[in-house]
Amino acid sequence: MQLAGLTNRGRERARNEDSFFLEEDSGIALLVVADGMGGHRAGNVASELAVSTAELLWNDLERTSALSAEEARSLISRLIFDANQLILNEADNISSRRGMGTTITSGLIYENHLTIGHIGDSRAYLIYDGKIKLLTRDHSLLEHLIESGQVKPEDALNHPQRHVLTRALGTTLDPEIDITELDLEADSALLFCTDGLTNMVNDDEILASCLKEHGPHSMAESLIELANSRGGYDNITVVIATGIGGQKA
C-alpha cells in the first residue's frame, strides 16, 4: 500500500482551513480529511483538532493484532465523537473560537476491509478497474435539494447554497455519523478529499486525472493543479491510498 496526502490553500482564500492525517503500519492504515467550516471562527483550529484526535487514536492503536469489523466501527466512531467533544470544549473555553466546526471523513483500512466514518461534505471515493465510485453522501443543503428534485445535479456547481452544511463536527453534543463498510479488491485505490476539489472537478475528471498518473503523490499533485487551474476558489486537500491488497494476479 502506498499513501500520499497534499493540501493547498488555493488561489482565493487567505488561509488554509483544511487538515489531513494518513499513516500505515503492518497492513493497517488510517486516512482522515477535515475541512474547517468556512465563514466560522477558527475553522482551521477545528480541522486541526479533528486531525490531532486521529493522531492520538493511531498512536494508541494496537496494530499487530487483527481487527474485527465491530472493533473498526468502534474505533472510527470513537475518533469522531472524541474530536467533536474536543472541538466543543475548545469553543467553550476560548470565546474567539465559539461557533467553529469542521467536516470529517475518516477511513480505517485493515485486511482489505474499509470502514468509513463521515460527517459533512468532504468525500471518499473508490477507484477500481478503471471506474470511480463515491462512497459518502454529502451532508449539505444542496444535496437535500438535489435529492428532493428542487435542483438539477448539473446546476450544483454554481448553486449559491452549495457550501451550506446540514451536519458538521462542533455543532451538537451527539453528532450523527454515517458509517460505511466494504471489502476492497486487490489493486484498489482510495481518494479522500475536501470540497475544494469536488466543487471544481467532476467525478469523471477526477478519475481521468488519476488514471494517467503513476503513484499516489503524482495523482494528488495532478488533482490539486487541476482544481487550481479552474480558479482554486477554496482550500484543496487530497489523500490517496493505492495498491490496497497488493496487485491483481
C-alpha atoms as a PDB file:
ATOM      1  CA  MET A   1       0.000   0.000   0.000  1.00  0.00           C
ATOM      2  CA  GLN A   2       1.264   3.468  -0.916  1.00  0.00           C
ATOM      3  CA  LEU A   3      -0.082   6.665   0.659  1.00  0.00           C
ATOM      4  CA  ALA A   4       0.156  10.351  -0.165  1.00  0.00           C
ATOM      5  CA  GLY A   5      -1.550  13.468   1.113  1.00  0.00           C
ATOM      6  CA  LEU A   6      -1.342  17.083  -0.046  1.00  0.00           C
ATOM      7  CA  THR A   7      -3.126  20.262   0.964  1.00  0.00           C
ATOM      8  CA  ASN A   8      -3.145  23.601  -0.825  1.00  0.00           C
ATOM      9  CA  ARG A   9      -4.554  26.998   0.134  1.00  0.00           C
ATOM     10  CA  GLY A  10      -5.916  27.547  -3.356  1.00  0.00           C
ATOM     11  CA  ARG A  11      -5.909  30.881  -5.154  1.00  0.00           C
ATOM     12  CA  GLU A  12      -8.596  32.828  -3.309  1.00  0.00           C
ATOM     13  CA  ARG A  13      -8.542  32.020   0.428  1.00  0.00           C
ATOM     14  CA  ALA A  14      -6.327  33.943   2.841  1.00  0.00           C
ATOM     15  CA  ARG A  15      -5.552  30.812   4.885  1.00  0.00           C
ATOM     16  CA  ASN A  16      -5.871  27.062   4.688  1.00  0.00           C
ATOM     17  CA  GLU A  17      -8.601  25.652   6.950  1.00  0.00           C
ATOM     18  CA  ASP A  18      -8.156  22.060   5.720  1.00  0.00           C
ATOM     19  CA  SER A  19      -6.195  19.391   7.590  1.00  0.00           C
ATOM     20  CA  PHE A  20      -5.381  15.745   6.905  1.00  0.00           C
ATOM     21  CA  PHE A  21      -3.847  12.678   8.512  1.00  0.00           C
ATOM     22  CA  LEU A  22      -2.561   9.440   6.994  1.00  0.00           C
ATOM     23  CA  GLU A  23      -0.483   6.622   8.410  1.00  0.00           C
ATOM     24  CA  GLU A  24       0.085   2.966   7.551  1.00  0.00           C
ATOM     25  CA  ASP A  25       1.726   0.187   9.519  1.00  0.00           C
ATOM     26  CA  SER A  26       1.503  -3.614   9.356  1.00  0.00           C
ATOM     27  CA  GLY A  27      -1.265  -3.546   6.744  1.00  0.00           C
ATOM     28  CA  ILE A  28      -3.471  -1.165   8.755  1.00  0.00           C
ATOM     29  CA  ALA A  29      -3.970   2.413   7.568  1.00  0.00           C
ATOM     30  CA  LEU A  30      -5.883   5.442   8.807  1.00  0.00           C
ATOM     31  CA  LEU A  31      -6.883   8.231   6.402  1.00  0.00           C
ATOM     32  CA  VAL A  32      -8.592  11.460   7.510  1.00  0.00           C
ATOM     33  CA  VAL A  33      -9.524  14.725   5.804  1.00  0.00           C
ATOM     34  CA  ALA A  34     -11.175  17.646   7.605  1.00  0.00           C
ATOM     35  CA  ASP A  35     -12.402  20.964   6.236  1.00  0.00           C
ATOM     36  CA  GLY A  36     -12.876  23.791   8.740  1.00  0.00           C
ATOM     37  CA  MET A  37     -16.238  25.450   8.288  1.00  0.00           C
ATOM     38  CA  GLY A  38     -15.825  28.471   6.043  1.00  0.00           C
ATOM     39  CA  GLY A  39     -17.234  31.694   7.426  1.00  0.00           C
ATOM     40  CA  HIS A  40     -16.984  30.446  11.011  1.00  0.00           C
ATOM     41  CA  ARG A  41     -14.431  31.427  13.585  1.00  0.00           C
ATOM     42  CA  ALA A  42     -11.280  29.316  13.810  1.00  0.00           C
ATOM     43  CA  GLY A  43     -12.243  26.754  11.187  1.00  0.00           C
ATOM     44  CA  ASN A  44      -8.567  25.901  10.831  1.00  0.00           C
ATOM     45  CA  VAL A  45      -8.379  25.142  14.561  1.00  0.00           C
ATOM     46  CA  ALA A  46     -11.400  22.835  14.363  1.00  0.00           C
ATOM     47  CA  SER A  47      -9.931  20.806  11.500  1.00  0.00           C
ATOM     48  CA  GLU A  48      -6.555  20.621  13.268  1.00  0.00           C
ATOM     49  CA  LEU A  49      -8.253  19.329  16.428  1.00  0.00           C
ATOM     50  CA  ALA A  50     -10.003  16.630  14.400  1.00  0.00           C
ATOM     51  CA  VAL A  51      -6.683  15.536  12.930  1.00  0.00           C
ATOM     52  CA  SER A  52      -4.936  15.629  16.314  1.00  0.00           C
ATOM     53  CA  THR A  53      -7.624  13.256  17.614  1.00  0.00           C
ATOM     54  CA  ALA A  54      -6.856  10.911  14.721  1.00  0.00           C
ATOM     55  CA  GLU A  55      -3.167  11.025  15.607  1.00  0.00           C
ATOM     56  CA  LEU A  56      -3.907  10.131  19.237  1.00  0.00           C
ATOM     57  CA  LEU A  57      -6.085   7.218  18.181  1.00  0.00           C
ATOM     58  CA  TRP A  58      -3.408   5.969  15.795  1.00  0.00           C
ATOM     59  CA  ASN A  59      -0.711   6.138  18.440  1.00  0.00           C
ATOM     60  CA  ASP A  60      -2.881   4.134  20.853  1.00  0.00           C
ATOM     61  CA  LEU A  61      -3.951   1.565  18.256  1.00  0.00           C
ATOM     62  CA  GLU A  62      -2.515  -1.936  18.614  1.00  0.00           C
ATOM     63  CA  ARG A  63      -1.524  -2.560  15.006  1.00  0.00           C
ATOM     64  CA  THR A  64      -0.096  -6.038  15.358  1.00  0.00           C
ATOM     65  CA  SER A  65      -3.399  -7.784  16.048  1.00  0.00           C
ATOM     66  CA  ALA A  66      -6.246  -8.397  13.619  1.00  0.00           C
ATOM     67  CA  LEU A  67      -9.191  -6.021  13.865  1.00  0.00           C
ATOM     68  CA  SER A  68     -12.788  -7.199  13.732  1.00  0.00           C
ATOM     69  CA  ALA A  69     -15.476  -5.245  11.883  1.00  0.00           C
ATOM     70  CA  GLU A  70     -17.027  -4.337  15.217  1.00  0.00           C
ATOM     71  CA  GLU A  71     -13.701  -3.023  16.547  1.00  0.00           C
ATOM     72  CA  ALA A  72     -13.160  -0.970  13.391  1.00  0.00           C
ATOM     73  CA  ARG A  73     -16.614   0.598  13.679  1.00  0.00           C
ATOM     74  CA  SER A  74     -15.980   1.376  17.330  1.00  0.00           C
ATOM     75  CA  LEU A  75     -12.598   2.979  16.608  1.00  0.00           C
ATOM     76  CA  ILE A  76     -13.923   5.194  13.812  1.00  0.00           C
ATOM     77  CA  SER A  77     -16.948   6.238  15.869  1.00  0.00           C
ATOM     78  CA  ARG A  78     -14.741   6.998  18.870  1.00  0.00           C
ATOM     79  CA  LEU A  79     -12.432   9.117  16.735  1.00  0.00           C
ATOM     80  CA  ILE A  80     -15.326  11.282  15.559  1.00  0.00           C
ATOM     81  CA  PHE A  81     -17.056  11.564  18.934  1.00  0.00           C
ATOM     82  CA  ASP A  82     -13.764  12.429  20.659  1.00  0.00           C
ATOM     83  CA  ALA A  83     -12.934  15.030  18.003  1.00  0.00           C
ATOM     84  CA  ASN A  84     -16.390  16.556  18.348  1.00  0.00           C
ATOM     85  CA  GLN A  85     -16.042  16.812  22.127  1.00  0.00           C
ATOM     86  CA  LEU A  86     -12.578  18.331  21.851  1.00  0.00           C
ATOM     87  CA  ILE A  87     -13.866  20.998  19.460  1.00  0.00           C
ATOM     88  CA  LEU A  88     -16.837  21.797  21.707  1.00  0.00           C
ATOM     89  CA  ASN A  89     -14.592  22.056  24.786  1.00  0.00           C
ATOM     90  CA  GLU A  90     -12.177  24.374  22.978  1.00  0.00           C
ATOM     91  CA  ALA A  91     -15.048  26.573  21.817  1.00  0.00           C
ATOM     92  CA  ASP A  92     -16.446  26.757  25.364  1.00  0.00           C
ATOM     93  CA  ASN A  93     -13.080  27.734  26.835  1.00  0.00           C
ATOM     94  CA  ILE A  94     -11.980  30.296  24.223  1.00  0.00           C
ATOM     95  CA  SER A  95     -14.579  32.837  23.195  1.00  0.00           C
ATOM     96  CA  SER A  96     -12.877  33.639  19.876  1.00  0.00           C
ATOM     97  CA  ARG A  97     -13.374  30.012  18.840  1.00  0.00           C
ATOM     98  CA  ARG A  98     -17.084  29.736  19.561  1.00  0.00           C
ATOM     99  CA  GLY A  99     -19.016  28.538  16.543  1.00  0.00           C
ATOM    100  CA  MET A 100     -16.059  26.794  14.918  1.00  0.00           C
ATOM    101  CA  GLY A 101     -16.683  23.478  13.211  1.00  0.00           C
ATOM    102  CA  THR A 102     -15.333  21.076  10.633  1.00  0.00           C
ATOM    103  CA  THR A 103     -16.232  18.252   8.314  1.00  0.00           C
ATOM    104  CA  ILE A 104     -14.523  14.901   8.794  1.00  0.00           C
ATOM    105  CA  THR A 105     -14.143  11.898   6.520  1.00  0.00           C
ATOM    106  CA  SER A 106     -12.087   9.127   8.098  1.00  0.00           C
ATOM    107  CA  GLY A 107     -11.270   5.652   6.895  1.00  0.00           C
ATOM    108  CA  LEU A 108      -9.657   2.641   8.555  1.00  0.00           C
ATOM    109  CA  ILE A 109      -8.181   0.039   6.200  1.00  0.00           C
ATOM    110  CA  TYR A 110      -7.474  -3.407   7.655  1.00  0.00           C
ATOM    111  CA  GLU A 111      -7.044  -6.794   5.928  1.00  0.00           C
ATOM    112  CA  ASN A 112      -8.567  -5.491   2.671  1.00  0.00           C
ATOM    113  CA  HIS A 113     -11.587  -4.094   4.532  1.00  0.00           C
ATOM    114  CA  LEU A 114     -12.543  -0.436   4.834  1.00  0.00           C
ATOM    115  CA  THR A 115     -14.622   1.291   7.484  1.00  0.00           C
ATOM    116  CA  ILE A 116     -15.523   4.940   6.852  1.00  0.00           C
ATOM    117  CA  GLY A 117     -16.923   7.449   9.348  1.00  0.00           C
ATOM    118  CA  HIS A 118     -18.247  10.604   7.751  1.00  0.00           C
ATOM    119  CA  ILE A 119     -19.845  13.940   8.650  1.00  0.00           C
ATOM    120  CA  GLY A 120     -20.106  16.890   6.260  1.00  0.00           C
ATOM    121  CA  ASP A 121     -19.284  17.266   2.573  1.00  0.00           C
ATOM    122  CA  SER A 122     -15.703  16.050   2.339  1.00  0.00           C
ATOM    123  CA  ARG A 123     -15.775  12.881   0.266  1.00  0.00           C
ATOM    124  CA  ALA A 124     -14.370   9.373  -0.077  1.00  0.00           C
ATOM    125  CA  TYR A 125     -14.065   7.661  -3.464  1.00  0.00           C
ATOM    126  CA  LEU A 126     -13.113   4.140  -4.525  1.00  0.00           C
ATOM    127  CA  ILE A 127     -11.139   3.816  -7.760  1.00  0.00           C
ATOM    128  CA  TYR A 128     -11.058   0.285  -9.122  1.00  0.00           C
ATOM    129  CA  ASP A 129     -10.978  -1.396 -12.522  1.00  0.00           C
ATOM    130  CA  GLY A 130     -10.979   1.904 -14.374  1.00  0.00           C
ATOM    131  CA  LYS A 131     -14.051   3.230 -12.566  1.00  0.00           C
ATOM    132  CA  ILE A 132     -14.751   5.670  -9.748  1.00  0.00           C
ATOM    133  CA  LYS A 133     -17.420   5.262  -7.072  1.00  0.00           C
ATOM    134  CA  LEU A 134     -18.495   7.815  -4.478  1.00  0.00           C
ATOM    135  CA  LEU A 135     -18.600   6.132  -1.049  1.00  0.00           C
ATOM    136  CA  THR A 136     -20.029   9.008   1.006  1.00  0.00           C
ATOM    137  CA  ARG A 137     -23.110  11.211   0.885  1.00  0.00           C
ATOM    138  CA  ASP A 138     -22.743  14.968   1.274  1.00  0.00           C
ATOM    139  CA  HIS A 139     -24.460  16.338   4.368  1.00  0.00           C
ATOM    140  CA  SER A 140     -25.380  19.620   2.731  1.00  0.00           C
ATOM    141  CA  LEU A 141     -28.442  21.666   1.912  1.00  0.00           C
ATOM    142  CA  LEU A 142     -27.593  21.345  -1.768  1.00  0.00           C
ATOM    143  CA  GLU A 143     -27.589  17.536  -1.596  1.00  0.00           C
ATOM    144  CA  HIS A 144     -31.015  17.690   0.042  1.00  0.00           C
ATOM    145  CA  LEU A 145     -32.280  19.974  -2.733  1.00  0.00           C
ATOM    146  CA  ILE A 146     -30.914  17.619  -5.395  1.00  0.00           C
ATOM    147  CA  GLU A 147     -32.482  14.560  -3.767  1.00  0.00           C
ATOM    148  CA  SER A 148     -35.838  16.328  -3.499  1.00  0.00           C
ATOM    149  CA  GLY A 149     -35.702  17.336  -7.164  1.00  0.00           C
ATOM    150  CA  GLN A 150     -35.522  21.066  -6.467  1.00  0.00           C
ATOM    151  CA  VAL A 151     -32.068  21.407  -8.030  1.00  0.00           C
ATOM    152  CA  LYS A 152     -30.649  19.545 -11.025  1.00  0.00           C
ATOM    153  CA  PRO A 153     -27.253  17.862 -10.456  1.00  0.00           C
ATOM    154  CA  GLU A 154     -25.773  19.730 -13.419  1.00  0.00           C
ATOM    155  CA  ASP A 155     -26.624  23.039 -11.718  1.00  0.00           C
ATOM    156  CA  ALA A 156     -24.946  22.116  -8.429  1.00  0.00           C
ATOM    157  CA  LEU A 157     -21.519  23.661  -9.019  1.00  0.00           C
ATOM    158  CA  ASN A 158     -22.928  27.158  -9.440  1.00  0.00           C
ATOM    159  CA  HIS A 159     -25.642  26.978  -6.790  1.00  0.00           C
ATOM    160  CA  PRO A 160     -25.399  29.807  -4.200  1.00  0.00           C
ATOM    161  CA  GLN A 161     -26.121  27.425  -1.275  1.00  0.00           C
ATOM    162  CA  ARG A 162     -23.607  24.751  -2.225  1.00  0.00           C
ATOM    163  CA  HIS A 163     -21.486  25.418   0.899  1.00  0.00           C
ATOM    164  CA  VAL A 164     -24.303  25.177   3.479  1.00  0.00           C
ATOM    165  CA  LEU A 165     -23.803  22.067   5.656  1.00  0.00           C
ATOM    166  CA  THR A 166     -26.530  20.136   7.435  1.00  0.00           C
ATOM    167  CA  ARG A 167     -24.051  18.215   9.626  1.00  0.00           C
ATOM    168  CA  ALA A 168     -20.612  19.115  10.993  1.00  0.00           C
ATOM    169  CA  LEU A 169     -18.400  18.478  13.988  1.00  0.00           C
ATOM    170  CA  GLY A 170     -18.701  21.107  16.684  1.00  0.00           C
ATOM    171  CA  THR A 171     -22.396  21.829  16.204  1.00  0.00           C
ATOM    172  CA  THR A 172     -24.046  19.296  18.526  1.00  0.00           C
ATOM    173  CA  LEU A 173     -23.196  17.139  21.555  1.00  0.00           C
ATOM    174  CA  ASP A 174     -24.286  13.942  19.813  1.00  0.00           C
ATOM    175  CA  PRO A 175     -23.209  14.007  16.155  1.00  0.00           C
ATOM    176  CA  GLU A 176     -24.894  11.689  13.661  1.00  0.00           C
ATOM    177  CA  ILE A 177     -22.205   9.667  11.884  1.00  0.00           C
ATOM    178  CA  ASP A 178     -22.549   7.856   8.571  1.00  0.00           C
ATOM    179  CA  ILE A 179     -20.675   4.541   8.769  1.00  0.00           C
ATOM    180  CA  THR A 180     -19.812   2.764   5.511  1.00  0.00           C
ATOM    181  CA  GLU A 181     -18.130  -0.646   5.301  1.00  0.00           C
ATOM    182  CA  LEU A 182     -16.866  -2.531   2.270  1.00  0.00           C
ATOM    183  CA  ASP A 183     -14.385  -5.133   1.127  1.00  0.00           C
ATOM    184  CA  LEU A 184     -11.592  -3.926  -1.142  1.00  0.00           C
ATOM    185  CA  GLU A 185     -10.399  -5.837  -4.186  1.00  0.00           C
ATOM    186  CA  ALA A 186      -6.704  -6.167  -4.934  1.00  0.00           C
ATOM    187  CA  ASP A 187      -5.194  -3.057  -6.545  1.00  0.00           C
ATOM    188  CA  SER A 188      -7.966  -0.770  -5.316  1.00  0.00           C
ATOM    189  CA  ALA A 189      -7.265   2.910  -4.700  1.00  0.00           C
ATOM    190  CA  LEU A 190      -8.989   5.285  -2.300  1.00  0.00           C
ATOM    191  CA  LEU A 191      -9.317   9.046  -2.601  1.00  0.00           C
ATOM    192  CA  PHE A 192     -10.409  11.229   0.330  1.00  0.00           C
ATOM    193  CA  CYS A 193     -10.809  14.922  -0.456  1.00  0.00           C
ATOM    194  CA  THR A 194     -12.351  18.209   0.595  1.00  0.00           C
ATOM    195  CA  ASP A 195     -14.880  20.119  -1.477  1.00  0.00           C
ATOM    196  CA  GLY A 196     -12.188  22.440  -2.772  1.00  0.00           C
ATOM    197  CA  LEU A 197     -11.555  19.637  -5.266  1.00  0.00           C
ATOM    198  CA  THR A 198     -15.074  18.379  -5.946  1.00  0.00           C
ATOM    199  CA  ASN A 199     -16.581  21.856  -6.389  1.00  0.00           C
ATOM    200  CA  MET A 200     -14.154  22.438  -9.246  1.00  0.00           C
ATOM    201  CA  VAL A 201     -13.624  18.975 -10.774  1.00  0.00           C
ATOM    202  CA  ASN A 202     -16.311  16.382 -11.508  1.00  0.00           C
ATOM    203  CA  ASP A 203     -16.013  12.658 -10.805  1.00  0.00           C
ATOM    204  CA  ASP A 204     -15.152  11.643 -14.378  1.00  0.00           C
ATOM    205  CA  GLU A 205     -12.398  14.256 -14.492  1.00  0.00           C
ATOM    206  CA  ILE A 206     -11.043  13.061 -11.143  1.00  0.00           C
ATOM    207  CA  LEU A 207     -10.888   9.516 -12.492  1.00  0.00           C
ATOM    208  CA  ALA A 208      -9.213  10.530 -15.747  1.00  0.00           C
ATOM    209  CA  SER A 209      -6.600  12.555 -13.875  1.00  0.00           C
ATOM    210  CA  CYS A 210      -5.784   9.686 -11.526  1.00  0.00           C
ATOM    211  CA  LEU A 211      -5.595   7.056 -14.262  1.00  0.00           C
ATOM    212  CA  LYS A 212      -2.991   8.986 -16.240  1.00  0.00           C
ATOM    213  CA  GLU A 213      -0.659   9.339 -13.246  1.00  0.00           C
ATOM    214  CA  HIS A 214       1.651   6.808 -11.580  1.00  0.00           C
ATOM    215  CA  GLY A 215       1.650   6.671  -7.794  1.00  0.00           C
ATOM    216  CA  PRO A 216      -0.439   8.483  -5.188  1.00  0.00           C
ATOM    217  CA  HIS A 217       1.774  11.558  -4.876  1.00  0.00           C
ATOM    218  CA  SER A 218       1.620  12.405  -8.567  1.00  0.00           C
ATOM    219  CA  MET A 219      -2.152  11.749  -8.506  1.00  0.00           C
ATOM    220  CA  ALA A 220      -2.605  14.181  -5.639  1.00  0.00           C
ATOM    221  CA  GLU A 221      -0.425  16.823  -7.329  1.00  0.00           C
ATOM    222  CA  SER A 222      -2.364  16.495 -10.572  1.00  0.00           C
ATOM    223  CA  LEU A 223      -5.753  16.879  -8.860  1.00  0.00           C
ATOM    224  CA  ILE A 224      -4.698  19.972  -6.917  1.00  0.00           C
ATOM    225  CA  GLU A 225      -3.226  21.519 -10.052  1.00  0.00           C
ATOM    226  CA  LEU A 226      -6.476  20.840 -11.906  1.00  0.00           C
ATOM    227  CA  ALA A 227      -8.632  22.418  -9.191  1.00  0.00           C
ATOM    228  CA  ASN A 228      -6.395  25.479  -9.112  1.00  0.00           C
ATOM    229  CA  SER A 229      -6.497  25.767 -12.899  1.00  0.00           C
ATOM    230  CA  ARG A 230     -10.285  26.082 -12.603  1.00  0.00           C
ATOM    231  CA  GLY A 231      -9.936  29.014 -10.198  1.00  0.00           C
ATOM    232  CA  GLY A 232      -8.908  27.431  -6.895  1.00  0.00           C
ATOM    233  CA  TYR A 233     -11.689  29.230  -5.032  1.00  0.00           C
ATOM    234  CA  ASP A 234     -11.303  27.090  -1.899  1.00  0.00           C
ATOM    235  CA  ASN A 235      -8.657  25.160   0.019  1.00  0.00           C
ATOM    236  CA  ILE A 236      -7.916  21.814  -1.634  1.00  0.00           C
ATOM    237  CA  THR A 237      -6.902  18.655   0.228  1.00  0.00           C
ATOM    238  CA  VAL A 238      -6.357  15.205  -1.253  1.00  0.00           C
ATOM    239  CA  VAL A 239      -5.379  11.948   0.482  1.00  0.00           C
ATOM    240  CA  ILE A 240      -4.794   8.877  -1.705  1.00  0.00           C
ATOM    241  CA  ALA A 241      -4.040   5.218  -0.954  1.00  0.00           C
ATOM    242  CA  THR A 242      -3.072   2.918  -3.832  1.00  0.00           C
ATOM    243  CA  GLY A 243      -2.090  -0.723  -4.168  1.00  0.00           C
ATOM    244  CA  ILE A 244      -4.507  -1.836  -1.441  1.00  0.00           C
ATOM    245  CA  GLY A 245      -4.431  -5.602  -1.118  1.00  0.00           C
ATOM    246  CA  GLY A 246      -1.423  -5.848  -3.425  1.00  0.00           C
ATOM    247  CA  GLN A 247      -1.519  -6.241  -7.189  1.00  0.00           C
ATOM    248  CA  LYS A 248      -4.015  -8.260  -9.203  1.00  0.00           C
ATOM    249  CA  ALA A 249      -2.906 -11.761 -10.093  1.00  0.00           C
END
